[in-house]
N, C-alpha and C. Protein backbone atom coordinates (compact mmCIF):
# COMPACT_ATOMS: atom_id res chain seq x y z
N MET A 1 -2.23 21.25 4.45
CA MET A 1 -1.78 19.95 4.01
C MET A 1 -0.36 20.11 3.46
N ASP A 2 0.55 19.29 3.92
CA ASP A 2 1.95 19.35 3.50
C ASP A 2 2.15 18.50 2.24
N LEU A 3 2.46 19.16 1.15
CA LEU A 3 2.67 18.47 -0.13
C LEU A 3 4.15 18.38 -0.49
N SER A 4 5.03 18.74 0.41
CA SER A 4 6.45 18.88 0.09
C SER A 4 7.10 17.59 -0.41
N ARG A 5 6.63 16.44 0.02
CA ARG A 5 7.23 15.18 -0.45
C ARG A 5 6.91 14.88 -1.90
N HIS A 6 5.80 15.42 -2.40
CA HIS A 6 5.37 15.11 -3.76
C HIS A 6 5.77 16.16 -4.79
N THR A 7 5.99 17.37 -4.36
CA THR A 7 6.22 18.44 -5.33
C THR A 7 7.48 18.30 -6.16
N PRO A 8 8.53 17.58 -5.74
CA PRO A 8 9.63 17.38 -6.67
C PRO A 8 9.23 16.55 -7.90
N ILE A 9 8.17 15.74 -7.76
CA ILE A 9 7.74 14.87 -8.85
C ILE A 9 6.58 15.47 -9.63
N ILE A 10 5.59 15.96 -8.90
CA ILE A 10 4.39 16.49 -9.55
C ILE A 10 3.99 17.80 -8.89
N LYS A 11 3.68 18.77 -9.72
CA LYS A 11 3.29 20.10 -9.23
C LYS A 11 1.86 20.37 -9.72
N PRO A 12 0.86 20.12 -8.87
CA PRO A 12 -0.53 20.27 -9.30
C PRO A 12 -0.85 21.65 -9.86
N TRP A 13 -0.23 22.68 -9.35
CA TRP A 13 -0.52 24.03 -9.82
C TRP A 13 -0.03 24.26 -11.24
N GLU A 14 0.80 23.38 -11.77
CA GLU A 14 1.26 23.48 -13.16
C GLU A 14 0.33 22.76 -14.12
N HIS A 15 -0.75 22.20 -13.63
CA HIS A 15 -1.72 21.47 -14.44
C HIS A 15 -3.10 22.10 -14.26
N PRO A 16 -3.33 23.24 -14.91
CA PRO A 16 -4.58 23.97 -14.67
C PRO A 16 -5.82 23.37 -15.32
N ALA A 17 -5.65 22.47 -16.28
CA ALA A 17 -6.81 21.89 -16.95
C ALA A 17 -7.60 21.03 -15.96
N PRO A 18 -8.92 21.09 -16.03
CA PRO A 18 -9.71 20.29 -15.10
C PRO A 18 -9.53 18.79 -15.35
N ILE A 19 -9.59 18.03 -14.29
CA ILE A 19 -9.55 16.58 -14.36
C ILE A 19 -10.99 16.11 -14.21
N THR A 20 -11.49 15.39 -15.19
CA THR A 20 -12.87 14.92 -15.18
C THR A 20 -12.91 13.45 -14.80
N ILE A 21 -13.74 13.13 -13.82
CA ILE A 21 -13.95 11.76 -13.39
C ILE A 21 -15.43 11.45 -13.58
N ILE A 22 -15.71 10.48 -14.44
CA ILE A 22 -17.09 10.07 -14.68
C ILE A 22 -17.31 8.77 -13.96
N GLY A 23 -18.12 8.82 -12.93
CA GLY A 23 -18.38 7.67 -12.07
C GLY A 23 -17.49 7.74 -10.84
N VAL A 24 -18.09 7.98 -9.69
CA VAL A 24 -17.32 8.10 -8.45
C VAL A 24 -17.72 7.01 -7.46
N GLY A 25 -17.73 5.79 -7.99
CA GLY A 25 -17.99 4.62 -7.15
C GLY A 25 -16.68 4.11 -6.59
N ALA A 26 -16.46 2.80 -6.67
CA ALA A 26 -15.29 2.17 -6.05
C ALA A 26 -13.98 2.77 -6.56
N THR A 27 -13.80 2.82 -7.85
CA THR A 27 -12.54 3.34 -8.41
C THR A 27 -12.52 4.86 -8.43
N GLY A 28 -13.59 5.48 -8.93
CA GLY A 28 -13.61 6.93 -9.08
C GLY A 28 -13.49 7.70 -7.78
N SER A 29 -14.15 7.22 -6.72
CA SER A 29 -14.08 7.93 -5.44
C SER A 29 -12.68 7.87 -4.86
N LYS A 30 -12.02 6.72 -5.00
CA LYS A 30 -10.65 6.57 -4.48
C LYS A 30 -9.66 7.39 -5.29
N ILE A 31 -9.83 7.41 -6.61
CA ILE A 31 -8.96 8.23 -7.46
C ILE A 31 -9.13 9.70 -7.12
N ALA A 32 -10.36 10.14 -6.97
CA ALA A 32 -10.61 11.54 -6.63
C ALA A 32 -9.94 11.92 -5.32
N MET A 33 -10.08 11.07 -4.31
CA MET A 33 -9.48 11.38 -3.01
C MET A 33 -7.95 11.35 -3.09
N ALA A 34 -7.39 10.46 -3.90
CA ALA A 34 -5.93 10.42 -4.08
C ALA A 34 -5.45 11.70 -4.77
N LEU A 35 -6.19 12.16 -5.77
CA LEU A 35 -5.80 13.38 -6.48
C LEU A 35 -5.85 14.60 -5.57
N VAL A 36 -6.88 14.73 -4.75
CA VAL A 36 -6.94 15.88 -3.86
C VAL A 36 -5.86 15.79 -2.78
N ALA A 37 -5.50 14.57 -2.38
CA ALA A 37 -4.41 14.41 -1.41
C ALA A 37 -3.07 14.84 -2.01
N LEU A 38 -2.94 14.74 -3.34
CA LEU A 38 -1.73 15.18 -4.02
C LEU A 38 -1.74 16.68 -4.31
N GLY A 39 -2.88 17.33 -4.05
CA GLY A 39 -2.96 18.78 -4.22
C GLY A 39 -3.75 19.27 -5.41
N PHE A 40 -4.34 18.36 -6.17
CA PHE A 40 -5.17 18.79 -7.30
C PHE A 40 -6.49 19.32 -6.77
N THR A 41 -6.91 20.46 -7.29
CA THR A 41 -8.14 21.09 -6.81
C THR A 41 -9.17 21.27 -7.91
N ASN A 42 -8.78 21.05 -9.15
CA ASN A 42 -9.67 21.34 -10.28
C ASN A 42 -10.35 20.07 -10.80
N LEU A 43 -11.04 19.36 -9.91
CA LEU A 43 -11.74 18.14 -10.29
C LEU A 43 -13.17 18.45 -10.70
N ARG A 44 -13.62 17.72 -11.70
CA ARG A 44 -15.02 17.74 -12.13
C ARG A 44 -15.49 16.30 -12.07
N CYS A 45 -16.45 16.02 -11.19
CA CYS A 45 -16.89 14.65 -10.95
C CYS A 45 -18.37 14.51 -11.29
N TYR A 46 -18.69 13.41 -11.99
CA TYR A 46 -20.06 13.17 -12.43
C TYR A 46 -20.51 11.77 -12.04
N ASP A 47 -21.72 11.68 -11.51
CA ASP A 47 -22.34 10.40 -11.18
C ASP A 47 -23.79 10.67 -10.83
N PHE A 48 -24.68 9.77 -11.11
CA PHE A 48 -26.09 9.95 -10.79
C PHE A 48 -26.55 9.01 -9.68
N ASP A 49 -25.64 8.19 -9.18
CA ASP A 49 -25.97 7.17 -8.19
C ASP A 49 -25.93 7.72 -6.77
N VAL A 50 -26.57 7.02 -5.85
CA VAL A 50 -26.54 7.39 -4.44
C VAL A 50 -25.69 6.40 -3.66
N VAL A 51 -25.19 6.85 -2.53
CA VAL A 51 -24.40 6.00 -1.64
C VAL A 51 -25.36 5.04 -0.92
N GLU A 52 -25.02 3.77 -0.99
CA GLU A 52 -25.78 2.75 -0.28
C GLU A 52 -24.86 2.06 0.72
N GLU A 53 -25.46 1.40 1.70
CA GLU A 53 -24.66 0.77 2.76
C GLU A 53 -23.62 -0.20 2.21
N HIS A 54 -23.97 -0.94 1.17
CA HIS A 54 -23.02 -1.92 0.63
C HIS A 54 -21.85 -1.25 -0.11
N ASN A 55 -21.92 0.07 -0.32
CA ASN A 55 -20.81 0.80 -0.95
C ASN A 55 -19.69 1.11 0.04
N LEU A 56 -19.98 1.13 1.32
CA LEU A 56 -19.02 1.62 2.31
C LEU A 56 -17.71 0.84 2.36
N PRO A 57 -17.70 -0.49 2.25
CA PRO A 57 -16.41 -1.18 2.36
C PRO A 57 -15.41 -0.88 1.24
N ASN A 58 -15.89 -0.57 0.03
CA ASN A 58 -14.96 -0.42 -1.08
C ASN A 58 -14.98 0.95 -1.75
N GLN A 59 -15.66 1.91 -1.16
CA GLN A 59 -15.68 3.25 -1.71
C GLN A 59 -15.25 4.24 -0.64
N ALA A 60 -15.03 5.47 -1.00
CA ALA A 60 -14.47 6.47 -0.08
C ALA A 60 -15.48 7.00 0.94
N TYR A 61 -16.72 6.62 0.85
CA TYR A 61 -17.78 7.25 1.63
C TYR A 61 -17.88 6.75 3.06
N LEU A 62 -18.53 7.56 3.88
CA LEU A 62 -18.73 7.27 5.29
C LEU A 62 -20.20 6.94 5.56
N HIS A 63 -20.47 6.41 6.73
CA HIS A 63 -21.84 6.01 7.07
C HIS A 63 -22.83 7.16 6.93
N GLN A 64 -22.40 8.36 7.29
CA GLN A 64 -23.32 9.50 7.22
C GLN A 64 -23.70 9.89 5.78
N HIS A 65 -23.01 9.31 4.78
CA HIS A 65 -23.30 9.63 3.38
C HIS A 65 -24.37 8.74 2.76
N ILE A 66 -24.80 7.71 3.48
CA ILE A 66 -25.83 6.81 2.93
C ILE A 66 -27.07 7.63 2.57
N GLY A 67 -27.54 7.43 1.34
CA GLY A 67 -28.71 8.14 0.85
C GLY A 67 -28.38 9.41 0.07
N MET A 68 -27.16 9.88 0.18
CA MET A 68 -26.74 11.08 -0.56
C MET A 68 -26.30 10.70 -1.97
N LEU A 69 -26.41 11.63 -2.90
CA LEU A 69 -25.80 11.42 -4.20
C LEU A 69 -24.30 11.27 -4.00
N LYS A 70 -23.69 10.36 -4.74
CA LYS A 70 -22.25 10.11 -4.57
C LYS A 70 -21.43 11.37 -4.82
N VAL A 71 -21.81 12.17 -5.81
CA VAL A 71 -21.03 13.38 -6.08
C VAL A 71 -21.13 14.38 -4.94
N ASP A 72 -22.29 14.47 -4.30
CA ASP A 72 -22.44 15.37 -3.16
C ASP A 72 -21.65 14.87 -1.96
N ALA A 73 -21.67 13.55 -1.74
CA ALA A 73 -20.90 12.96 -0.64
C ALA A 73 -19.41 13.16 -0.89
N LEU A 74 -18.97 12.98 -2.13
CA LEU A 74 -17.56 13.17 -2.47
C LEU A 74 -17.15 14.63 -2.26
N ALA A 75 -17.99 15.55 -2.69
CA ALA A 75 -17.70 16.97 -2.49
C ALA A 75 -17.54 17.27 -1.00
N GLU A 76 -18.37 16.66 -0.18
CA GLU A 76 -18.28 16.86 1.28
C GLU A 76 -16.96 16.30 1.82
N LEU A 77 -16.57 15.12 1.36
CA LEU A 77 -15.30 14.53 1.79
C LEU A 77 -14.10 15.39 1.40
N VAL A 78 -14.13 15.88 0.17
CA VAL A 78 -13.03 16.74 -0.32
C VAL A 78 -12.97 18.02 0.51
N LYS A 79 -14.11 18.61 0.78
CA LYS A 79 -14.16 19.83 1.58
C LYS A 79 -13.62 19.57 2.99
N MET A 80 -13.99 18.43 3.59
CA MET A 80 -13.50 18.09 4.93
C MET A 80 -11.99 17.89 4.94
N LYS A 81 -11.46 17.23 3.92
CA LYS A 81 -10.05 16.88 3.89
C LYS A 81 -9.17 18.06 3.51
N THR A 82 -9.61 18.87 2.55
CA THR A 82 -8.74 19.90 1.98
C THR A 82 -9.25 21.32 2.12
N GLY A 83 -10.55 21.47 2.34
CA GLY A 83 -11.14 22.80 2.35
C GLY A 83 -11.48 23.29 0.95
N ASN A 84 -11.19 22.48 -0.06
CA ASN A 84 -11.44 22.86 -1.44
C ASN A 84 -12.82 22.41 -1.90
N VAL A 85 -13.28 23.04 -2.96
CA VAL A 85 -14.57 22.72 -3.57
C VAL A 85 -14.30 22.10 -4.93
N ILE A 86 -15.02 21.00 -5.24
CA ILE A 86 -14.91 20.41 -6.55
C ILE A 86 -16.21 20.65 -7.30
N VAL A 87 -16.15 20.59 -8.62
CA VAL A 87 -17.34 20.73 -9.46
C VAL A 87 -17.98 19.37 -9.58
N THR A 88 -19.28 19.30 -9.36
CA THR A 88 -19.99 18.03 -9.44
C THR A 88 -21.16 18.12 -10.40
N GLY A 89 -21.52 17.00 -10.95
CA GLY A 89 -22.66 16.91 -11.84
C GLY A 89 -23.41 15.62 -11.58
N LYS A 90 -24.70 15.66 -11.82
CA LYS A 90 -25.52 14.47 -11.57
C LYS A 90 -25.98 13.87 -12.86
């Protein structure tokens, strides 16, 4: 992933503290995906909810994630996009 356009402004490797996101629904899932797209890898995401069909239009999840815990589906998306692993909690 080419981060060269963003690194003059923000350098994710200079921010080693974990970023915690509690709730990875509409807002949390999009924020998490935006952070990993910027190069942040030290995310800790917590949610106890599952992906339902009505979540698909406004959350980061795909059809194949229906029925999965949101944190597990998010971890799968992050892995697909970046190859990185995030810490998840239920």
